[in-house]
Amino acid sequence: METLHKLSLKEKAGYALGDAAANIAWRGVATFLIVFYTDVFGLNPAAVGLLMLIARSSDGISDVVMGIIGDRTKSKY
């Protein structure tokens, strides 16, 4: 059985800064994709919004499902 320890404030800040940097990069890509789909491909902005909504929703659902699978898996790996 693993021993749990509390994260220090320094560790929490480190994880938060890393996550913030990744989110800034991904938001830039998402913003570029919206402009690209509407201006270059000529898609309807409502269709692009729906596409983004479906992609985010399916990602959110799959994240939860994989978390459940990971929690229930008993393996040394």
C-alpha atoms as a PDB file:
ATOM      1  CA  MET A   1       0.000   0.000   0.000  1.00  0.00           C
ATOM      2  CA  GLU A   2       1.292   3.431  -0.923  1.00  0.00           C
ATOM      3  CA  THR A   3       1.731   6.150   1.662  1.00  0.00           C
ATOM      4  CA  LEU A   4       0.077   9.431   0.813  1.00  0.00           C
ATOM      5  CA  HIS A   5       1.670  12.761   1.608  1.00  0.00           C
ATOM      6  CA  LYS A   6       0.365  16.290   1.265  1.00  0.00           C
ATOM      7  CA  LEU A   7       1.743  18.484  -1.479  1.00  0.00           C
ATOM      8  CA  SER A   8       3.587  21.578  -0.394  1.00  0.00           C
ATOM      9  CA  LEU A   9       2.518  25.006  -1.634  1.00  0.00           C
ATOM     10  CA  LYS A  10       5.622  25.088  -3.842  1.00  0.00           C
ATOM     11  CA  GLU A  11       4.635  21.793  -5.505  1.00  0.00           C
ATOM     12  CA  LYS A  12       1.052  22.964  -6.012  1.00  0.00           C
ATOM     13  CA  ALA A  13       2.285  26.207  -7.588  1.00  0.00           C
ATOM     14  CA  GLY A  14       4.607  24.238  -9.886  1.00  0.00           C
ATOM     15  CA  TYR A  15       1.788  22.015 -11.117  1.00  0.00           C
ATOM     16  CA  ALA A  16      -0.494  25.043 -11.540  1.00  0.00           C
ATOM     17  CA  LEU A  17       2.074  26.975 -13.577  1.00  0.00           C
ATOM     18  CA  GLY A  18       2.728  23.997 -15.844  1.00  0.00           C
ATOM     19  CA  ASP A  19      -0.980  23.485 -16.417  1.00  0.00           C
ATOM     20  CA  ALA A  20      -1.508  27.209 -17.069  1.00  0.00           C
ATOM     21  CA  ALA A  21       1.257  27.200 -19.705  1.00  0.00           C
ATOM     22  CA  ALA A  22      -0.266  24.194 -21.458  1.00  0.00           C
ATOM     23  CA  ASN A  23      -3.718  25.785 -21.411  1.00  0.00           C
ATOM     24  CA  ILE A  24      -2.396  29.025 -22.916  1.00  0.00           C
ATOM     25  CA  ALA A  25      -0.833  27.048 -25.772  1.00  0.00           C
ATOM     26  CA  TRP A  26      -3.959  24.957 -26.414  1.00  0.00           C
ATOM     27  CA  ARG A  27      -6.271  28.001 -26.310  1.00  0.00           C
ATOM     28  CA  GLY A  28      -4.077  29.625 -28.953  1.00  0.00           C
ATOM     29  CA  VAL A  29      -4.392  26.545 -31.168  1.00  0.00           C
ATOM     30  CA  ALA A  30      -8.169  26.388 -30.633  1.00  0.00           C
ATOM     31  CA  THR A  31      -8.560  30.070 -31.496  1.00  0.00           C
ATOM     32  CA  PHE A  32      -6.490  29.603 -34.642  1.00  0.00           C
ATOM     33  CA  LEU A  33      -8.596  26.589 -35.644  1.00  0.00           C
ATOM     34  CA  ILE A  34     -11.837  28.551 -35.308  1.00  0.00           C
ATOM     35  CA  VAL A  35     -10.500  31.318 -37.571  1.00  0.00           C
ATOM     36  CA  PHE A  36      -9.032  28.764 -39.985  1.00  0.00           C
ATOM     37  CA  TYR A  37     -12.269  26.771 -40.281  1.00  0.00           C
ATOM     38  CA  THR A  38     -14.418  29.853 -40.862  1.00  0.00           C
ATOM     39  CA  ASP A  39     -12.099  31.951 -43.058  1.00  0.00           C
ATOM     40  CA  VAL A  40     -10.141  29.330 -45.038  1.00  0.00           C
ATOM     41  CA  PHE A  41     -12.606  26.425 -45.251  1.00  0.00           C
ATOM     42  CA  GLY A  42     -15.611  28.751 -45.306  1.00  0.00           C
ATOM     43  CA  LEU A  43     -17.570  26.785 -42.717  1.00  0.00           C
ATOM     44  CA  ASN A  44     -20.538  28.312 -40.953  1.00  0.00           C
ATOM     45  CA  PRO A  45     -19.469  29.673 -37.521  1.00  0.00           C
ATOM     46  CA  ALA A  46     -22.364  27.807 -35.879  1.00  0.00           C
ATOM     47  CA  ALA A  47     -21.104  24.530 -37.381  1.00  0.00           C
ATOM     48  CA  VAL A  48     -17.590  25.247 -36.131  1.00  0.00           C
ATOM     49  CA  GLY A  49     -18.973  25.997 -32.658  1.00  0.00           C
ATOM     50  CA  LEU A  50     -20.935  22.744 -32.690  1.00  0.00           C
ATOM     51  CA  LEU A  51     -17.826  20.861 -33.820  1.00  0.00           C
ATOM     52  CA  MET A  52     -15.827  22.332 -30.935  1.00  0.00           C
ATOM     53  CA  LEU A  53     -18.640  21.551 -28.468  1.00  0.00           C
ATOM     54  CA  ILE A  54     -18.838  17.921 -29.575  1.00  0.00           C
ATOM     55  CA  ALA A  55     -15.044  17.528 -29.464  1.00  0.00           C
ATOM     56  CA  ARG A  56     -14.803  18.996 -25.925  1.00  0.00           C
ATOM     57  CA  SER A  57     -17.758  16.982 -24.646  1.00  0.00           C
ATOM     58  CA  SER A  58     -16.436  13.685 -25.984  1.00  0.00           C
ATOM     59  CA  ASP A  59     -13.008  14.490 -24.523  1.00  0.00           C
ATOM     60  CA  GLY A  60     -14.562  15.238 -21.123  1.00  0.00           C
ATOM     61  CA  ILE A  61     -16.532  11.995 -21.149  1.00  0.00           C
ATOM     62  CA  SER A  62     -13.551   9.886 -22.241  1.00  0.00           C
ATOM     63  CA  ASP A  63     -11.355  11.489 -19.543  1.00  0.00           C
ATOM     64  CA  VAL A  64     -13.808  10.436 -16.840  1.00  0.00           C
ATOM     65  CA  VAL A  65     -14.169   6.924 -18.262  1.00  0.00           C
ATOM     66  CA  MET A  66     -10.391   6.436 -18.480  1.00  0.00           C
ATOM     67  CA  GLY A  67     -10.016   7.762 -14.931  1.00  0.00           C
ATOM     68  CA  ILE A  68     -12.493   5.160 -13.698  1.00  0.00           C
ATOM     69  CA  ILE A  69     -10.701   2.423 -15.640  1.00  0.00           C
ATOM     70  CA  GLY A  70      -7.342   3.553 -14.250  1.00  0.00           C
ATOM     71  CA  ASP A  71      -8.648   3.614 -10.676  1.00  0.00           C
ATOM     72  CA  ARG A  72     -10.077   0.112 -10.961  1.00  0.00           C
ATOM     73  CA  THR A  73      -7.054  -1.446 -12.658  1.00  0.00           C
ATOM     74  CA  LYS A  74      -4.861  -3.499 -10.362  1.00  0.00           C
ATOM     75  CA  SER A  75      -1.468  -3.894 -12.004  1.00  0.00           C
ATOM     76  CA  LYS A  76       2.145  -3.400 -11.046  1.00  0.00           C
ATOM     77  CA  TYR A  77       2.493  -1.167 -14.129  1.00  0.00           C
END
